[in-house]
Each structure stands twice: as structure tokens, then as C-alpha cells.
Amino acid sequence: KNQFREPEAYLLHPWMTTASGDGEGTKDGLINEELSAARLKACGNESYQRGEFTLAVDFWNRAIKAHVDGMSSAGSPVLSQESIDLERSIYLNLAQGYLKLGDHAKAFRACQVVLHEDPSNTKARYRTAESCLGLRRFDDALKLLSAMLQADPLHGEAARLFQRVKAAKRQDAKREQELAKRMSAGANGFSENRLDETPKLPLAHLECFDAATVGHGTETAELAARAAVEREARLAAGPALPEPKVLDFDSFREKALARSRKYNSHTARMRQRRGGAERS
């Protein structure tokens, strides 16, 4: 079995290639960075082939950084076709790696970088559809795959993925329907596939009821109702209650205040006595 070897320092740190004096530098400094990005991409490819997807994604992310750093150091906005192809291939690899790791959102974003510059890129469109499947964006996936199959009806992988997406969409709709049924059944007091456990008594069973037991307590209620009616009748037939009359409101108010002052004075004296007793 092939043993994995830790990559050399210049593979992990692409900016070290120029300083190492290994003869790979160029007068514009751009090719050094591109070569380093290409080497990091190759290391990622090897890790992917071994099933080490996390390590592969790490290498490809470093390759993107090395590529961007190389473009910055070059100071030229014009990129060669080789540089553009390298960048696209790294992003496509990143998308595949993230799909293997189950990170569909990052895979989707990596594909969008490629499709922004190359909308007809088949790999980017296919992996975008895979990402949409993982994100449950079934309609978007079907739209992409339909366009791919119209352009190339013999694209077998797109046709198989199209069927997978349709099946997943049906399954998702079925789950939503079942969930809605359970919620509706729960609101009505029953769960799905649960029988009504309320006992069903035959009408003949009523013949064995004891009339005295069934009517227990009804006499008390009738007596209370009758007493209430009689009390209302007496109040209606009797003389009206006298209305309170206060002729001098000021005098009444003064008497009430005097009583209040007397009570407050008494309370204060009692409080002083209690305090003296506690101090002694």
C-alpha cells in the first residue's frame, strides 16, 4: 500500500518557493505562485483518491489562496488562460470535496464562482444540481438538469440525477403530507392509526341504571332554586329599604376626621409605650 507522505514545506507555503532559490522563479513572479497552487491542487487530488476528503479540501483551499496571492503579487489584472483554467478546476474540486463532506451550501457557492465566469460549464452545473438536491431545492435542481439534458440527451449522469431528484421530491412531499395528517389528527384528539378508545355502551345497558342514584342531588338543586324565587318575591312585595340621608356633609366629614385623629393619637401613644418598655 502507498503510504501517505507529508508534503514538502514549499507545497504548504507557496510563497517560500521564490525565497528557496530552487530555480523556479520567474521575472514576473506569477508562475511561481501558479506552480505552487498547481502542486497544492495535485496534493488535494491525491488525498481525495485516498478518501481523505477533509485533507483534500484543505489542500484545495490553500491552492486557491496561493493562486490569489500570486495574482496580487503580479500586479497585472490580465490573467492567462492557463491561470483561469487552474482556478476553475480548483473550485470544481472544492465543490466535489464539499459534496463528499455533506456541506452542500459551500459546494453550491464554489460552483457559483465557476458559473459566474462560465455559465455553460457542465461540471459546475451538474455539481450545482447535486448541491441543490442536498439543500432540498428540488425545483432548482430539476431546472438545471432539464437544461443539461436538452443540450445533451445522452448525458447519463444528469439523467440518473434527474430521477433521483424527482424521487426525493416525491418522498419529501409524502413526508409533509404525513406530518400534516398527524398534526391534524393530534388537534382532533386522535393520533394516526389510533382507534377511538371511548367505550360504546349498548342502549339496553341503560335498563340497569338505578333511578335513585341517577337523580341523586337534583332535589337539593330544586329546593335552592325555589328558595331563591321566594326571596325575590318577598323583596318585591315588601316596603322599599330606606335610603340613607346625610343633611350636613361638612359635619359628617369633621366627625370622621376627628375619629381618625383620635385613633392615630392612641396608636402613637401605644407605640411610644412599647418602645420605652423595650429600652428598659
Protein backbone atom coordinates (compact mmCIF):
# COMPACT_ATOMS: atom_id res chain seq x y z
CA LYS A 1 0.00 0.00 0.00
CA ASN A 2 1.14 3.50 -0.76
CA GLN A 3 2.00 5.37 2.40
CA PHE A 4 0.94 8.99 2.64
CA ARG A 5 3.90 11.34 2.94
CA GLU A 6 3.59 14.77 4.44
CA PRO A 7 4.11 17.30 1.61
CA GLU A 8 7.26 19.33 1.50
CA ALA A 9 7.31 22.79 3.01
CA TYR A 10 7.11 24.52 -0.37
CA LEU A 11 3.82 22.68 -1.03
CA LEU A 12 2.24 24.01 2.14
CA HIS A 13 3.70 27.50 1.85
CA PRO A 14 3.75 28.53 -1.80
CA TRP A 15 5.34 31.91 -1.08
CA MET A 16 8.51 30.08 0.04
CA THR A 17 9.33 28.91 -3.49
CA THR A 18 10.81 32.22 -4.54
CA ALA A 19 12.89 32.54 -1.38
CA SER A 20 14.15 28.98 -1.58
CA GLY A 21 16.26 29.68 -4.67
CA ASP A 22 15.21 26.41 -6.26
CA GLY A 23 15.46 27.88 -9.75
CA GLU A 24 11.70 28.01 -10.37
CA GLY A 25 11.32 31.78 -10.02
CA THR A 26 10.49 33.97 -12.98
CA LYS A 27 10.90 37.64 -13.64
CA ASP A 28 7.21 38.44 -13.10
CA GLY A 29 6.84 36.21 -10.01
CA LEU A 30 3.41 34.93 -11.17
CA ILE A 31 4.39 31.49 -12.40
CA ASN A 32 5.91 30.60 -9.02
CA GLU A 33 2.58 31.14 -7.32
CA GLU A 34 0.66 29.31 -10.04
CA LEU A 35 3.00 26.34 -9.80
CA SER A 36 2.56 26.29 -6.04
CA ALA A 37 -1.24 26.37 -6.48
CA ALA A 38 -0.97 23.56 -9.01
CA ARG A 39 1.14 21.50 -6.60
CA LEU A 40 -1.34 22.06 -3.79
CA LYS A 41 -4.13 21.06 -6.13
CA ALA A 42 -2.25 17.86 -7.00
CA CYS A 43 -1.81 17.05 -3.30
CA GLY A 44 -5.55 17.56 -2.84
CA ASN A 45 -6.28 15.25 -5.73
CA GLU A 46 -4.11 12.52 -4.21
CA SER A 47 -5.82 12.93 -0.82
CA TYR A 48 -9.22 12.72 -2.49
CA GLN A 49 -8.28 9.50 -4.26
CA ARG A 50 -7.36 8.01 -0.88
CA GLY A 51 -10.74 9.02 0.52
CA GLU A 52 -9.25 11.73 2.76
CA PHE A 53 -11.83 14.32 1.79
CA THR A 54 -11.20 16.76 4.65
CA LEU A 55 -7.48 16.88 3.85
CA ALA A 56 -8.22 17.24 0.15
CA VAL A 57 -10.50 20.22 0.78
CA ASP A 58 -7.80 21.78 2.96
CA PHE A 59 -5.22 21.43 0.17
CA TRP A 60 -7.59 22.94 -2.41
CA ASN A 61 -8.41 25.89 -0.16
CA ARG A 62 -4.68 26.52 0.22
CA ALA A 63 -4.31 26.25 -3.52
CA ILE A 64 -6.95 28.96 -4.01
CA LYS A 65 -5.13 31.19 -1.52
CA ALA A 66 -1.82 30.63 -3.28
CA HIS A 67 -3.43 31.41 -6.61
CA VAL A 68 -4.97 34.66 -5.32
CA ASP A 69 -1.71 35.68 -3.64
CA GLY A 70 0.11 35.03 -6.92
CA MET A 71 -2.27 37.28 -8.84
CA SER A 72 -1.86 40.03 -6.24
CA SER A 73 1.93 39.90 -6.37
CA ALA A 74 1.91 40.02 -10.17
CA GLY A 75 0.07 43.34 -10.13
CA SER A 76 -1.48 42.70 -13.55
CA PRO A 77 -5.27 42.43 -13.96
CA VAL A 78 -4.85 40.28 -17.08
CA LEU A 79 -4.76 36.53 -16.44
CA SER A 80 -3.58 33.85 -18.80
CA GLN A 81 -6.00 31.18 -19.93
CA GLU A 82 -3.89 28.66 -18.04
CA SER A 83 -4.38 30.63 -14.82
CA ILE A 84 -8.15 30.88 -15.40
CA ASP A 85 -8.43 27.15 -16.09
CA LEU A 86 -6.44 26.37 -12.94
CA GLU A 87 -8.72 28.50 -10.79
CA ARG A 88 -11.86 26.90 -12.23
CA SER A 89 -10.52 23.38 -11.75
CA ILE A 90 -9.68 24.09 -8.10
CA TYR A 91 -13.17 25.46 -7.41
CA LEU A 92 -14.75 22.46 -9.12
CA ASN A 93 -12.62 20.16 -6.97
CA LEU A 94 -13.67 22.10 -3.88
CA ALA A 95 -17.31 21.64 -4.83
CA GLN A 96 -16.82 17.90 -5.18
CA GLY A 97 -14.96 17.71 -1.88
CA TYR A 98 -17.67 19.61 -0.02
CA LEU A 99 -20.30 17.34 -1.55
CA LYS A 100 -18.44 14.34 -0.15
CA LEU A 101 -18.33 16.05 3.26
CA GLY A 102 -22.05 16.79 3.11
CA ASP A 103 -21.54 20.57 3.14
CA HIS A 104 -23.91 21.34 0.29
CA ALA A 105 -24.04 25.09 0.92
CA LYS A 106 -20.27 25.50 0.43
CA ALA A 107 -20.35 23.21 -2.59
CA PHE A 108 -23.07 25.39 -4.09
CA ARG A 109 -21.02 28.56 -3.54
CA ALA A 110 -17.92 27.01 -5.11
CA CYS A 111 -19.93 26.13 -8.21
CA GLN A 112 -21.35 29.65 -8.43
CA VAL A 113 -17.83 31.06 -8.70
CA VAL A 114 -17.27 28.96 -11.81
CA LEU A 115 -20.71 29.60 -13.32
CA HIS A 116 -20.29 33.33 -12.88
CA GLU A 117 -17.48 33.29 -15.45
CA ASP A 118 -18.53 30.19 -17.41
CA PRO A 119 -22.34 29.69 -17.26
CA SER A 120 -22.23 26.69 -19.60
CA ASN A 121 -19.68 24.71 -17.57
CA THR A 122 -21.15 21.21 -17.44
CA LYS A 123 -19.37 20.05 -14.29
CA ALA A 124 -20.34 23.20 -12.40
CA ARG A 125 -23.99 22.85 -13.46
CA TYR A 126 -24.08 19.17 -12.53
CA ARG A 127 -22.49 19.74 -9.10
CA THR A 128 -24.79 22.70 -8.51
CA ALA A 129 -27.72 20.34 -9.10
CA GLU A 130 -26.22 17.89 -6.62
CA SER A 131 -25.87 20.71 -4.10
CA CYS A 132 -29.49 21.75 -4.65
CA LEU A 133 -30.57 18.17 -4.01
CA GLY A 134 -28.75 18.21 -0.68
CA LEU A 135 -30.28 21.60 0.14
CA ARG A 136 -33.77 20.31 -0.80
CA ARG A 137 -34.03 22.89 -3.57
CA PHE A 138 -35.60 20.29 -5.82
CA ASP A 139 -37.12 22.66 -8.37
CA ASP A 140 -33.79 24.41 -8.94
CA ALA A 141 -32.05 21.07 -9.40
CA LEU A 142 -34.67 19.85 -11.86
CA LYS A 143 -34.44 23.08 -13.83
CA LEU A 144 -30.65 22.77 -14.15
CA LEU A 145 -30.77 19.12 -15.10
CA SER A 146 -33.57 19.64 -17.63
CA ALA A 147 -31.46 22.27 -19.39
CA MET A 148 -28.45 19.92 -19.36
CA LEU A 149 -30.48 17.06 -20.83
CA GLN A 150 -31.92 19.31 -23.51
CA ALA A 151 -28.40 20.26 -24.54
CA ASP A 152 -27.11 16.68 -24.25
CA PRO A 153 -29.85 14.00 -24.06
CA LEU A 154 -27.18 11.28 -23.76
CA HIS A 155 -25.72 12.70 -20.52
CA GLY A 156 -26.22 9.58 -18.41
CA GLU A 157 -25.17 11.05 -15.06
CA ALA A 158 -27.53 14.00 -15.49
CA ALA A 159 -30.39 11.65 -16.38
CA ARG A 160 -29.78 9.49 -13.30
CA LEU A 161 -29.50 12.52 -11.04
CA PHE A 162 -32.72 13.88 -12.56
CA GLN A 163 -34.54 10.69 -11.49
CA ARG A 164 -33.01 10.88 -8.02
CA VAL A 165 -34.19 14.45 -7.57
CA LYS A 166 -37.71 13.59 -8.72
CA ALA A 167 -37.85 10.65 -6.30
CA ALA A 168 -36.54 12.80 -3.45
CA LYS A 169 -39.12 15.49 -4.22
CA ARG A 170 -41.95 12.92 -4.15
CA GLN A 171 -40.65 11.46 -0.90
CA ASP A 172 -40.37 14.91 0.66
CA ALA A 173 -43.93 15.78 -0.38
CA LYS A 174 -45.16 12.48 1.09
CA ARG A 175 -43.44 13.20 4.40
CA GLU A 176 -45.01 16.65 4.53
CA GLN A 177 -48.45 15.17 3.89
CA GLU A 178 -47.98 12.57 6.62
CA LEU A 179 -46.82 15.26 9.03
CA ALA A 180 -49.85 17.39 8.20
CA LYS A 181 -52.13 14.40 8.81
CA ARG A 182 -50.53 13.69 12.19
CA MET A 183 -50.84 17.32 13.22
CA SER A 184 -54.48 17.41 12.13
CA ALA A 185 -55.23 14.14 13.93
CA GLY A 186 -53.49 15.42 17.07
CA ALA A 187 -55.62 18.56 17.01
CA ASN A 188 -58.75 16.40 16.95
CA GLY A 189 -57.58 14.36 19.92
CA PHE A 190 -56.50 11.31 17.95
CA SER A 191 -53.20 10.20 16.50
CA GLU A 192 -52.79 8.49 13.17
CA ASN A 193 -53.84 4.83 13.06
CA ARG A 194 -55.17 5.03 16.62
CA LEU A 195 -58.61 3.62 17.31
CA ASP A 196 -61.22 5.55 19.27
CA GLU A 197 -60.95 4.12 22.78
CA THR A 198 -64.25 5.66 24.04
CA PRO A 199 -66.40 2.79 25.33
CA LYS A 200 -69.52 2.16 23.30
CA LEU A 201 -72.36 1.06 25.64
CA PRO A 202 -75.48 -0.57 24.17
CA LEU A 203 -78.79 1.16 24.79
CA ALA A 204 -80.02 -1.89 26.67
CA HIS A 205 -77.41 -1.11 29.30
CA LEU A 206 -79.50 1.85 30.45
CA GLU A 207 -82.11 -0.53 31.88
CA CYS A 208 -79.85 -1.44 34.80
CA PHE A 209 -79.37 2.18 35.95
CA ASP A 210 -80.75 2.94 39.42
CA ALA A 211 -83.19 5.85 39.20
CA ALA A 212 -82.41 6.98 42.76
CA THR A 213 -78.67 7.09 42.02
CA VAL A 214 -79.14 8.96 38.76
CA GLY A 215 -81.42 11.54 40.42
CA HIS A 216 -79.21 11.99 43.49
CA GLY A 217 -78.63 15.67 44.21
CA THR A 218 -81.40 17.00 41.99
CA GLU A 219 -83.73 17.59 44.98
CA THR A 220 -81.21 19.93 46.60
CA ALA A 221 -80.89 21.96 43.45
CA GLU A 222 -84.65 22.27 43.13
CA LEU A 223 -85.02 23.44 46.76
CA ALA A 224 -82.28 26.07 46.33
CA ALA A 225 -83.93 27.39 43.17
CA ARG A 226 -87.33 27.56 44.85
CA ALA A 227 -85.89 29.44 47.85
CA ALA A 228 -84.25 31.99 45.56
CA VAL A 229 -87.54 32.64 43.75
CA GLU A 230 -89.41 33.10 47.02
CA ARG A 231 -86.80 35.53 48.35
CA GLU A 232 -87.06 37.66 45.21
CA ALA A 233 -90.88 37.69 45.58
CA ARG A 234 -90.71 38.84 49.23
CA LEU A 235 -88.33 41.67 48.37
CA ALA A 236 -90.59 42.78 45.54
CA ALA A 237 -93.77 42.71 47.71
CA GLY A 238 -92.29 44.33 50.87
CA PRO A 239 -91.63 48.02 51.57
CA ALA A 240 -88.64 49.61 49.93
CA LEU A 241 -85.50 49.94 52.02
CA PRO A 242 -84.93 53.44 53.40
CA GLU A 243 -82.35 55.49 51.55
CA PRO A 244 -79.54 56.92 53.68
CA LYS A 245 -79.80 60.66 54.16
CA VAL A 246 -76.95 62.96 55.17
CA LEU A 247 -78.09 66.56 55.62
CA ASP A 248 -74.77 68.16 56.66
CA PHE A 249 -71.84 66.69 54.73
CA ASP A 250 -69.28 69.02 56.34
CA SER A 251 -70.35 67.98 59.83
CA PHE A 252 -70.23 64.33 58.86
CA ARG A 253 -66.74 64.76 57.38
CA GLU A 254 -65.49 66.58 60.50
CA LYS A 255 -66.75 63.78 62.76
CA ALA A 256 -64.99 61.18 60.62
CA LEU A 257 -61.71 63.12 60.71
CA ALA A 258 -61.97 63.56 64.48
CA ARG A 259 -62.35 59.81 64.93
CA SER A 260 -59.38 59.23 62.69
CA ARG A 261 -57.21 61.70 64.64
CA LYS A 262 -58.24 60.08 67.91
CA TYR A 263 -57.31 56.65 66.61
CA ASN A 264 -53.95 57.89 65.32
CA SER A 265 -53.14 59.56 68.66
CA HIS A 266 -53.97 56.39 70.54
CA THR A 267 -51.79 54.34 68.18
CA ALA A 268 -48.85 56.75 68.65
CA ARG A 269 -49.09 56.56 72.47
CA MET A 270 -49.16 52.77 72.37
CA ARG A 271 -46.10 52.74 70.09
CA GLN A 272 -44.19 55.06 72.49
CA ARG A 273 -45.02 52.89 75.49
CA ARG A 274 -43.91 49.77 73.67
CA GLY A 275 -40.65 51.43 72.74
CA GLY A 276 -39.98 52.54 76.33
CA ALA A 277 -40.64 49.05 77.62
CA GLU A 278 -38.22 47.53 75.14
CA ARG A 279 -35.45 50.02 76.08
CA SER A 280 -35.91 49.35 79.78
